[in-house]
Structure formats: C-alpha cells, structure tokens
Amino acid sequence: MRPVPSAGSIIHVFHRLISASLNAKWMAKETLNKIMWSAAEACGSTALFQKHPLERFYRDMHLHMMHGRHDIAAEIVGAAELGEPYNVNRTH
C-alpha cells in the first residue's frame, strides 16, 4: 500500500505545477512575440495592412497578450524561482 502524502507536500507540488504552467505560458508568449516581429520584418510594412493575413494573427496575438495577465504570471514565476512567497489566486 502506498503511503498517503501529507497536505504540505501536496500543496508544495501544486504550487510547483502552477509555477511550471505559468512559466510555460510566459515562454510561449515571448516566443510568439519574437516570431511575429520576425515575420512582420520579413514581409515589411504591408504585414500590418488589414488585407494581409499576418495582420489578423498579429492583432489576435496582441489581444491575447493584453487579456492574458502575463505580468502576474511572470511575477509568480519569479517569486517561486527565488523561493519567495507568492499568491496564485492574485487577479490584479
């Protein structure tokens, strides 16, 4: 029979999983931003015109970044990596 983990160890694992999830979210956002800038530079200024397919993707990416609360994700990941307390329920 497997031993039952303590509540403290479950909470610790939960917080590490949240930290890893937020870290992945932050990295995905940063990578997408770099890809979009590279694509826009390769296409030139026409990439920002509404008739260009990249324009919609670029606009959608920025909308996601504005509503994604990535600043909070970065703060939580940073605090977790530094071993400082953080609040995973923070919304603003």
PDB file of N, CA and C in Angstrom:
ATOM      1  N   MET A   1       0.841  -1.181   0.000  1.00  0.00           N
ATOM      2  CA  MET A   1       0.000   0.000   0.000  1.00  0.00           C
ATOM      3  C   MET A   1       0.892   1.252   0.000  1.00  0.00           C
ATOM      4  N   ARG A   2       0.524   2.205  -0.832  1.00  0.00           N
ATOM      5  CA  ARG A   2       1.309   3.426  -0.934  1.00  0.00           C
ATOM      6  C   ARG A   2       1.024   4.333   0.249  1.00  0.00           C
ATOM      7  N   PRO A   3       2.062   5.036   0.725  1.00  0.00           N
ATOM      8  CA  PRO A   3       1.831   5.977   1.824  1.00  0.00           C
ATOM      9  C   PRO A   3       1.016   7.186   1.338  1.00  0.00           C
ATOM     10  N   VAL A   4       0.212   7.722   2.201  1.00  0.00           N
ATOM     11  CA  VAL A   4      -0.604   8.896   1.880  1.00  0.00           C
ATOM     12  C   VAL A   4       0.267  10.138   2.039  1.00  0.00           C
ATOM     13  N   PRO A   5       0.370  10.965   0.975  1.00  0.00           N
ATOM     14  CA  PRO A   5       1.191  12.176   1.095  1.00  0.00           C
ATOM     15  C   PRO A   5       0.564  13.171   2.059  1.00  0.00           C
ATOM     16  N   SER A   6       1.414  13.938   2.694  1.00  0.00           N
ATOM     17  CA  SER A   6       0.927  14.949   3.633  1.00  0.00           C
ATOM     18  C   SER A   6       0.301  16.116   2.861  1.00  0.00           C
ATOM     19  N   ALA A   7      -0.520  16.872   3.553  1.00  0.00           N
ATOM     20  CA  ALA A   7      -1.162  18.043   2.936  1.00  0.00           C
ATOM     21  C   ALA A   7      -0.102  19.043   2.486  1.00  0.00           C
ATOM     22  N   GLY A   8       0.947  19.197   3.284  1.00  0.00           N
ATOM     23  CA  GLY A   8       2.023  20.131   2.927  1.00  0.00           C
ATOM     24  C   GLY A   8       2.723  19.739   1.646  1.00  0.00           C
ATOM     25  N   SER A   9       2.975  18.434   1.458  1.00  0.00           N
ATOM     26  CA  SER A   9       3.661  18.006   0.237  1.00  0.00           C
ATOM     27  C   SER A   9       2.746  18.144  -0.980  1.00  0.00           C
ATOM     28  N   ILE A  10       1.457  17.931  -0.794  1.00  0.00           N
ATOM     29  CA  ILE A  10       0.507  18.108  -1.894  1.00  0.00           C
ATOM     30  C   ILE A  10       0.451  19.578  -2.307  1.00  0.00           C
ATOM     31  N   ILE A  11       0.405  20.469  -1.341  1.00  0.00           N
ATOM     32  CA  ILE A  11       0.376  21.909  -1.628  1.00  0.00           C
ATOM     33  C   ILE A  11       1.659  22.331  -2.332  1.00  0.00           C
ATOM     34  N   HIS A  12       2.801  21.810  -1.873  1.00  0.00           N
ATOM     35  CA  HIS A  12       4.080  22.146  -2.495  1.00  0.00           C
ATOM     36  C   HIS A  12       4.086  21.713  -3.962  1.00  0.00           C
ATOM     37  N   VAL A  13       3.651  20.503  -4.240  1.00  0.00           N
ATOM     38  CA  VAL A  13       3.610  20.001  -5.612  1.00  0.00           C
ATOM     39  C   VAL A  13       2.641  20.844  -6.440  1.00  0.00           C
ATOM     40  N   PHE A  14       1.493  21.186  -5.883  1.00  0.00           N
ATOM     41  CA  PHE A  14       0.506  22.010  -6.573  1.00  0.00           C
ATOM     42  C   PHE A  14       1.119  23.359  -6.959  1.00  0.00           C
ATOM     43  N   HIS A  15       1.821  23.987  -6.047  1.00  0.00           N
ATOM     44  CA  HIS A  15       2.420  25.290  -6.318  1.00  0.00           C
ATOM     45  C   HIS A  15       3.528  25.177  -7.368  1.00  0.00           C
ATOM     46  N   ARG A  16       4.300  24.100  -7.336  1.00  0.00           N
ATOM     47  CA  ARG A  16       5.344  23.892  -8.344  1.00  0.00           C
ATOM     48  C   ARG A  16       4.705  23.683  -9.727  1.00  0.00           C
ATOM     49  N   LEU A  17       3.590  22.974  -9.778  1.00  0.00           N
ATOM     50  CA  LEU A  17       2.899  22.767 -11.051  1.00  0.00           C
ATOM     51  C   LEU A  17       2.345  24.074 -11.601  1.00  0.00           C
ATOM     52  N   ILE A  18       1.798  24.901 -10.734  1.00  0.00           N
ATOM     53  CA  ILE A  18       1.294  26.206 -11.169  1.00  0.00           C
ATOM     54  C   ILE A  18       2.447  27.050 -11.687  1.00  0.00           C
ATOM     55  N   SER A  19       3.560  27.032 -10.969  1.00  0.00           N
ATOM     56  CA  SER A  19       4.727  27.796 -11.391  1.00  0.00           C
ATOM     57  C   SER A  19       5.210  27.326 -12.756  1.00  0.00           C
ATOM     58  N   ALA A  20       5.288  26.015 -12.964  1.00  0.00           N
ATOM     59  CA  ALA A  20       5.727  25.475 -14.251  1.00  0.00           C
ATOM     60  C   ALA A  20       4.750  25.854 -15.361  1.00  0.00           C
ATOM     61  N   SER A  21       3.457  25.820 -15.058  1.00  0.00           N
ATOM     62  CA  SER A  21       2.434  26.171 -16.040  1.00  0.00           C
ATOM     63  C   SER A  21       2.542  27.639 -16.444  1.00  0.00           C
ATOM     64  N   LEU A  22       2.707  28.512 -15.468  1.00  0.00           N
ATOM     65  CA  LEU A  22       2.827  29.934 -15.754  1.00  0.00           C
ATOM     66  C   LEU A  22       4.122  30.233 -16.498  1.00  0.00           C
ATOM     67  N   ASN A  23       5.183  29.513 -16.153  1.00  0.00           N
ATOM     68  CA  ASN A  23       6.452  29.688 -16.850  1.00  0.00           C
ATOM     69  C   ASN A  23       6.300  29.307 -18.320  1.00  0.00           C
ATOM     70  N   ALA A  24       5.617  28.206 -18.585  1.00  0.00           N
ATOM     71  CA  ALA A  24       5.382  27.777 -19.967  1.00  0.00           C
ATOM     72  C   ALA A  24       4.545  28.813 -20.715  1.00  0.00           C
ATOM     73  N   LYS A  25       3.541  29.369 -20.043  1.00  0.00           N
ATOM     74  CA  LYS A  25       2.688  30.394 -20.655  1.00  0.00           C
ATOM     75  C   LYS A  25       3.513  31.626 -21.016  1.00  0.00           C
ATOM     76  N   TRP A  26       4.380  32.036 -20.107  1.00  0.00           N
ATOM     77  CA  TRP A  26       5.218  33.213 -20.341  1.00  0.00           C
ATOM     78  C   TRP A  26       6.177  32.966 -21.508  1.00  0.00           C
ATOM     79  N   MET A  27       6.785  31.792 -21.536  1.00  0.00           N
ATOM     80  CA  MET A  27       7.719  31.474 -22.614  1.00  0.00           C
ATOM     81  C   MET A  27       7.009  31.402 -23.963  1.00  0.00           C
ATOM     82  N   ALA A  28       5.803  30.855 -23.988  1.00  0.00           N
ATOM     83  CA  ALA A  28       5.036  30.777 -25.237  1.00  0.00           C
ATOM     84  C   ALA A  28       4.709  32.177 -25.752  1.00  0.00           C
ATOM     85  N   LYS A  29       4.326  33.060 -24.862  1.00  0.00           N
ATOM     86  CA  LYS A  29       4.004  34.438 -25.239  1.00  0.00           C
ATOM     87  C   LYS A  29       5.234  35.153 -25.790  1.00  0.00           C
ATOM     88  N   GLU A  30       6.359  35.000 -25.125  1.00  0.00           N
ATOM     89  CA  GLU A  30       7.592  35.643 -25.578  1.00  0.00           C
ATOM     90  C   GLU A  30       8.039  35.089 -26.936  1.00  0.00           C
ATOM     91  N   THR A  31       7.941  33.780 -27.103  1.00  0.00           N
ATOM     92  CA  THR A  31       8.335  33.153 -28.370  1.00  0.00           C
ATOM     93  C   THR A  31       7.431  33.622 -29.507  1.00  0.00           C
ATOM     94  N   LEU A  32       6.129  33.652 -29.269  1.00  0.00           N
ATOM     95  CA  LEU A  32       5.194  34.110 -30.295  1.00  0.00           C
ATOM     96  C   LEU A  32       5.462  35.557 -30.672  1.00  0.00           C
ATOM     97  N   ASN A  33       5.759  36.382 -29.705  1.00  0.00           N
ATOM     98  CA  ASN A  33       6.057  37.784 -29.978  1.00  0.00           C
ATOM     99  C   ASN A  33       7.290  37.909 -30.872  1.00  0.00           C
ATOM    100  N   LYS A  34       8.335  37.127 -30.594  1.00  0.00           N
ATOM    101  CA  LYS A  34       9.547  37.168 -31.425  1.00  0.00           C
ATOM    102  C   LYS A  34       9.260  36.674 -32.844  1.00  0.00           C
ATOM    103  N   ILE A  35       8.475  35.604 -32.957  1.00  0.00           N
ATOM    104  CA  ILE A  35       8.123  35.071 -34.275  1.00  0.00           C
ATOM    105  C   ILE A  35       7.331  36.094 -35.080  1.00  0.00           C
ATOM    106  N   MET A  36       6.369  36.737 -34.425  1.00  0.00           N
ATOM    107  CA  MET A  36       5.540  37.715 -35.128  1.00  0.00           C
ATOM    108  C   MET A  36       6.364  38.910 -35.590  1.00  0.00           C
ATOM    109  N   TRP A  37       7.282  39.389 -34.758  1.00  0.00           N
ATOM    110  CA  TRP A  37       8.128  40.508 -35.172  1.00  0.00           C
ATOM    111  C   TRP A  37       9.006  40.107 -36.343  1.00  0.00           C
ATOM    112  N   SER A  38       9.555  38.900 -36.307  1.00  0.00           N
ATOM    113  CA  SER A  38      10.399  38.417 -37.411  1.00  0.00           C
ATOM    114  C   SER A  38       9.589  38.318 -38.699  1.00  0.00           C
ATOM    115  N   ALA A  39       8.383  37.788 -38.610  1.00  0.00           N
ATOM    116  CA  ALA A  39       7.527  37.662 -39.790  1.00  0.00           C
ATOM    117  C   ALA A  39       7.153  39.039 -40.336  1.00  0.00           C
ATOM    118  N   ALA A  40       6.828  39.967 -39.460  1.00  0.00           N
ATOM    119  CA  ALA A  40       6.457  41.319 -39.889  1.00  0.00           C
ATOM    120  C   ALA A  40       7.653  42.012 -40.540  1.00  0.00           C
ATOM    121  N   GLU A  41       8.842  41.816 -39.991  1.00  0.00           N
ATOM    122  CA  GLU A  41      10.030  42.418 -40.599  1.00  0.00           C
ATOM    123  C   GLU A  41      10.313  41.805 -41.968  1.00  0.00           C
ATOM    124  N   ALA A  42      10.101  40.500 -42.105  1.00  0.00           N
ATOM    125  CA  ALA A  42      10.342  39.831 -43.390  1.00  0.00           C
ATOM    126  C   ALA A  42       9.352  40.297 -44.452  1.00  0.00           C
ATOM    127  N   CYS A  43       8.107  40.564 -44.056  1.00  0.00           N
ATOM    128  CA  CYS A  43       7.074  40.981 -45.014  1.00  0.00           C
ATOM    129  C   CYS A  43       7.085  42.484 -45.252  1.00  0.00           C
ATOM    130  N   GLY A  44       7.682  43.216 -44.355  1.00  0.00           N
ATOM    131  CA  GLY A  44       7.681  44.667 -44.482  1.00  0.00           C
ATOM    132  C   GLY A  44       6.410  45.269 -43.910  1.00  0.00           C
ATOM    133  N   SER A  45       6.221  46.546 -44.145  1.00  0.00           N
ATOM    134  CA  SER A  45       5.093  47.260 -43.546  1.00  0.00           C
ATOM    135  C   SER A  45       3.743  46.767 -44.039  1.00  0.00           C
ATOM    136  N   THR A  46       3.706  46.102 -45.183  1.00  0.00           N
ATOM    137  CA  THR A  46       2.420  45.592 -45.688  1.00  0.00           C
ATOM    138  C   THR A  46       1.830  44.524 -44.759  1.00  0.00           C
ATOM    139  N   ALA A  47       2.655  43.929 -43.915  1.00  0.00           N
ATOM    140  CA  ALA A  47       2.154  42.922 -42.975  1.00  0.00           C
ATOM    141  C   ALA A  47       1.170  43.519 -41.984  1.00  0.00           C
ATOM    142  N   LEU A  48       1.179  44.843 -41.828  1.00  0.00           N
ATOM    143  CA  LEU A  48       0.276  45.492 -40.880  1.00  0.00           C
ATOM    144  C   LEU A  48      -1.017  45.988 -41.525  1.00  0.00           C
ATOM    145  N   PHE A  49      -1.147  45.822 -42.837  1.00  0.00           N
ATOM    146  CA  PHE A  49      -2.386  46.200 -43.511  1.00  0.00           C
ATOM    147  C   PHE A  49      -3.450  45.136 -43.267  1.00  0.00           C
ATOM    148  N   GLN A  50      -4.709  45.558 -43.205  1.00  0.00           N
ATOM    149  CA  GLN A  50      -5.783  44.617 -42.913  1.00  0.00           C
ATOM    150  C   GLN A  50      -5.939  43.533 -43.973  1.00  0.00           C
ATOM    151  N   LYS A  51      -5.542  43.783 -45.185  1.00  0.00           N
ATOM    152  CA  LYS A  51      -5.691  42.774 -46.234  1.00  0.00           C
ATOM    153  C   LYS A  51      -4.642  41.664 -46.124  1.00  0.00           C
ATOM    154  N   HIS A  52      -3.600  41.882 -45.337  1.00  0.00           N
ATOM    155  CA  HIS A  52      -2.523  40.892 -45.207  1.00  0.00           C
ATOM    156  C   HIS A  52      -2.882  39.860 -44.131  1.00  0.00           C
ATOM    157  N   PRO A  53      -2.656  38.555 -44.396  1.00  0.00           N
ATOM    158  CA  PRO A  53      -3.021  37.514 -43.419  1.00  0.00           C
ATOM    159  C   PRO A  53      -2.304  37.657 -42.069  1.00  0.00           C
ATOM    160  N   LEU A  54      -1.087  38.186 -42.068  1.00  0.00           N
ATOM    161  CA  LEU A  54      -0.364  38.334 -40.801  1.00  0.00           C
ATOM    162  C   LEU A  54      -0.987  39.376 -39.884  1.00  0.00           C
ATOM    163  N   GLU A  55      -1.664  40.353 -40.490  1.00  0.00           N
ATOM    164  CA  GLU A  55      -2.249  41.425 -39.672  1.00  0.00           C
ATOM    165  C   GLU A  55      -3.242  40.866 -38.664  1.00  0.00           C
ATOM    166  N   ARG A  56      -4.099  39.968 -39.099  1.00  0.00           N
ATOM    167  CA  ARG A  56      -5.102  39.395 -38.191  1.00  0.00           C
ATOM    168  C   ARG A  56      -4.438  38.579 -37.092  1.00  0.00           C
ATOM    169  N   PHE A  57      -3.455  37.777 -37.470  1.00  0.00           N
ATOM    170  CA  PHE A  57      -2.739  36.972 -36.491  1.00  0.00           C
ATOM    171  C   PHE A  57      -2.026  37.865 -35.481  1.00  0.00           C
ATOM    172  N   TYR A  58      -1.395  38.920 -35.984  1.00  0.00           N
ATOM    173  CA  TYR A  58      -0.683  39.866 -35.123  1.00  0.00           C
ATOM    174  C   TYR A  58      -1.658  40.551 -34.158  1.00  0.00           C
ATOM    175  N   ARG A  59      -2.803  40.969 -34.662  1.00  0.00           N
ATOM    176  CA  ARG A  59      -3.812  41.621 -33.825  1.00  0.00           C
ATOM    177  C   ARG A  59      -4.348  40.665 -32.759  1.00  0.00           C
ATOM    178  N   ASP A  60      -4.627  39.413 -33.162  1.00  0.00           N
ATOM    179  CA  ASP A  60      -5.114  38.418 -32.207  1.00  0.00           C
ATOM    180  C   ASP A  60      -4.080  38.130 -31.121  1.00  0.00           C
ATOM    181  N   MET A  61      -2.803  38.062 -31.514  1.00  0.00           N
ATOM    182  CA  MET A  61      -1.744  37.820 -30.547  1.00  0.00           C
ATOM    183  C   MET A  61      -1.692  38.941 -29.507  1.00  0.00           C
ATOM    184  N   HIS A  62      -1.767  40.182 -29.978  1.00  0.00           N
ATOM    185  CA  HIS A  62      -1.725  41.304 -29.036  1.00  0.00           C
ATOM    186  C   HIS A  62      -2.954  41.333 -28.132  1.00  0.00           C
ATOM    187  N   LEU A  63      -4.097  40.979 -28.650  1.00  0.00           N
ATOM    188  CA  LEU A  63      -5.302  40.916 -27.824  1.00  0.00           C
ATOM    189  C   LEU A  63      -5.124  39.868 -26.728  1.00  0.00           C
ATOM    190  N   HIS A  64      -4.590  38.712 -27.094  1.00  0.00           N
ATOM    191  CA  HIS A  64      -4.332  37.665 -26.100  1.00  0.00           C
ATOM    192  C   HIS A  64      -3.348  38.155 -25.041  1.00  0.00           C
ATOM    193  N   MET A  65      -2.306  38.857 -25.463  1.00  0.00           N
ATOM    194  CA  MET A  65      -1.306  39.332 -24.510  1.00  0.00           C
ATOM    195  C   MET A  65      -1.898  40.367 -23.553  1.00  0.00           C
ATOM    196  N   MET A  66      -2.832  41.173 -24.034  1.00  0.00           N
ATOM    197  CA  MET A  66      -3.448  42.176 -23.155  1.00  0.00           C
ATOM    198  C   MET A  66      -4.358  41.525 -22.120  1.00  0.00           C
ATOM    199  N   HIS A  67      -5.052  40.454 -22.504  1.00  0.00           N
ATOM    200  CA  HIS A  67      -6.003  39.825 -21.603  1.00  0.00           C
ATOM    201  C   HIS A  67      -5.430  38.632 -20.856  1.00  0.00           C
ATOM    202  N   GLY A  68      -4.205  38.255 -21.167  1.00  0.00           N
ATOM    203  CA  GLY A  68      -3.623  37.053 -20.585  1.00  0.00           C
ATOM    204  C   GLY A  68      -3.055  37.219 -19.197  1.00  0.00           C
ATOM    205  N   ARG A  69      -2.949  38.443 -18.695  1.00  0.00           N
ATOM    206  CA  ARG A  69      -2.391  38.720 -17.367  1.00  0.00           C
ATOM    207  C   ARG A  69      -0.982  38.138 -17.235  1.00  0.00           C
ATOM    208  N   HIS A  70      -0.179  38.300 -18.282  1.00  0.00           N
ATOM    209  CA  HIS A  70       1.167  37.748 -18.300  1.00  0.00           C
ATOM    210  C   HIS A  70       2.080  38.405 -17.273  1.00  0.00           C
ATOM    211  N   ASP A  71       1.785  39.647 -16.912  1.00  0.00           N
ATOM    212  CA  ASP A  71       2.592  40.300 -15.891  1.00  0.00           C
ATOM    213  C   ASP A  71       2.462  39.580 -14.557  1.00  0.00           C
ATOM    214  N   ILE A  72       1.261  39.122 -14.235  1.00  0.00           N
ATOM    215  CA  ILE A  72       1.043  38.377 -12.988  1.00  0.00           C
ATOM    216  C   ILE A  72       1.742  37.031 -13.065  1.00  0.00           C
ATOM    217  N   ALA A  73       1.659  36.372 -14.216  1.00  0.00           N
ATOM    218  CA  ALA A  73       2.332  35.078 -14.393  1.00  0.00           C
ATOM    219  C   ALA A  73       3.832  35.231 -14.189  1.00  0.00           C
ATOM    220  N   ALA A  74       4.419  36.275 -14.762  1.00  0.00           N
ATOM    221  CA  ALA A  74       5.860  36.491 -14.622  1.00  0.00           C
ATOM    222  C   ALA A  74       6.239  36.754 -13.168  1.00  0.00           C
ATOM    223  N   GLU A  75       5.418  37.510 -12.463  1.00  0.00           N
ATOM    224  CA  GLU A  75       5.704  37.808 -11.057  1.00  0.00           C
ATOM    225  C   GLU A  75       5.656  36.539 -10.198  1.00  0.00           C
ATOM    226  N   ILE A  76       4.676  35.687 -10.437  1.00  0.00           N
ATOM    227  CA  ILE A  76       4.546  34.440  -9.673  1.00  0.00           C
ATOM    228  C   ILE A  76       5.715  33.510  -9.958  1.00  0.00           C
ATOM    229  N   VAL A  77       6.071  33.374 -11.229  1.00  0.00           N
ATOM    230  CA  VAL A  77       7.197  32.512 -11.593  1.00  0.00           C
ATOM    231  C   VAL A  77       8.480  33.033 -10.965  1.00  0.00           C
ATOM    232  N   GLY A  78       8.695  34.328 -11.035  1.00  0.00           N
ATOM    233  CA  GLY A  78       9.901  34.915 -10.436  1.00  0.00           C
ATOM    234  C   GLY A  78       9.972  34.688  -8.944  1.00  0.00           C
ATOM    235  N   ALA A  79       8.873  34.921  -8.247  1.00  0.00           N
ATOM    236  CA  ALA A  79       8.850  34.703  -6.795  1.00  0.00           C
ATOM    237  C   ALA A  79       9.100  33.241  -6.458  1.00  0.00           C
ATOM    238  N   ALA A  80       8.500  32.335  -7.212  1.00  0.00           N
ATOM    239  CA  ALA A  80       8.685  30.903  -6.956  1.00  0.00           C
ATOM    240  C   ALA A  80      10.137  30.496  -7.170  1.00  0.00           C
ATOM    241  N   GLU A  81      10.745  30.998  -8.232  1.00  0.00           N
ATOM    242  CA  GLU A  81      12.138  30.649  -8.516  1.00  0.00           C
ATOM    243  C   GLU A  81      13.088  31.214  -7.469  1.00  0.00           C
ATOM    244  N   LEU A  82      12.739  32.349  -6.875  1.00  0.00           N
ATOM    245  CA  LEU A  82      13.571  32.949  -5.832  1.00  0.00           C
ATOM    246  C   LEU A  82      13.262  32.392  -4.452  1.00  0.00           C
ATOM    247  N   GLY A  83      12.271  31.497  -4.382  1.00  0.00           N
ATOM    248  CA  GLY A  83      11.904  30.911  -3.103  1.00  0.00           C
ATOM    249  C   GLY A  83      11.137  31.857  -2.199  1.00  0.00           C
ATOM    250  N   GLU A  84      10.538  32.877  -2.783  1.00  0.00           N
ATOM    251  CA  GLU A  84       9.772  33.850  -2.011  1.00  0.00           C
ATOM    252  C   GLU A  84       8.288  33.496  -2.066  1.00  0.00           C
ATOM    253  N   PRO A  85       7.504  33.962  -1.102  1.00  0.00           N
ATOM    254  CA  PRO A  85       6.069  33.654  -1.105  1.00  0.00           C
ATOM    255  C   PRO A  85       5.363  34.344  -2.273  1.00  0.00           C
ATOM    256  N   TYR A  86       4.305  33.713  -2.743  1.00  0.00           N
ATOM    257  CA  TYR A  86       3.511  34.270  -3.828  1.00  0.00           C
ATOM    258  C   TYR A  86       2.073  33.814  -3.677  1.00  0.00           C
ATOM    259  N   ASN A  87       1.178  34.537  -4.330  1.00  0.00           N
ATOM    260  CA  ASN A  87      -0.252  34.241  -4.253  1.00  0.00           C
ATOM    261  C   ASN A  87      -0.745  33.814  -5.624  1.00  0.00           C
ATOM    262  N   VAL A  88      -1.094  32.527  -5.760  1.00  0.00           N
ATOM    263  CA  VAL A  88      -1.562  32.020  -7.062  1.00  0.00           C
ATOM    264  C   VAL A  88      -2.981  32.462  -7.381  1.00  0.00           C
ATOM    265  N   ASN A  89      -3.678  33.043  -6.425  1.00  0.00           N
ATOM    266  CA  ASN A  89      -5.058  33.477  -6.634  1.00  0.00           C
ATOM    267  C   ASN A  89      -5.144  34.957  -6.992  1.00  0.00           C
ATOM    268  N   ARG A  90      -4.000  35.617  -7.162  1.00  0.00           N
ATOM    269  CA  ARG A  90      -3.982  37.053  -7.463  1.00  0.00           C
ATOM    270  C   ARG A  90      -4.586  37.296  -8.839  1.00  0.00           C
ATOM    271  N   THR A  91      -5.398  38.319  -8.962  1.00  0.00           N
ATOM    272  CA  THR A  91      -6.029  38.635 -10.242  1.00  0.00           C
ATOM    273  C   THR A  91      -5.636  40.033 -10.754  1.00  0.00           C
ATOM    274  N   HIS A  92      -5.035  40.860  -9.918  1.00  0.00           N
ATOM    275  CA  HIS A  92      -4.599  42.199 -10.384  1.00  0.00           C
ATOM    276  C   HIS A  92      -3.478  42.698  -9.527  1.00  0.00           C
TER     277      HIS A  92
END
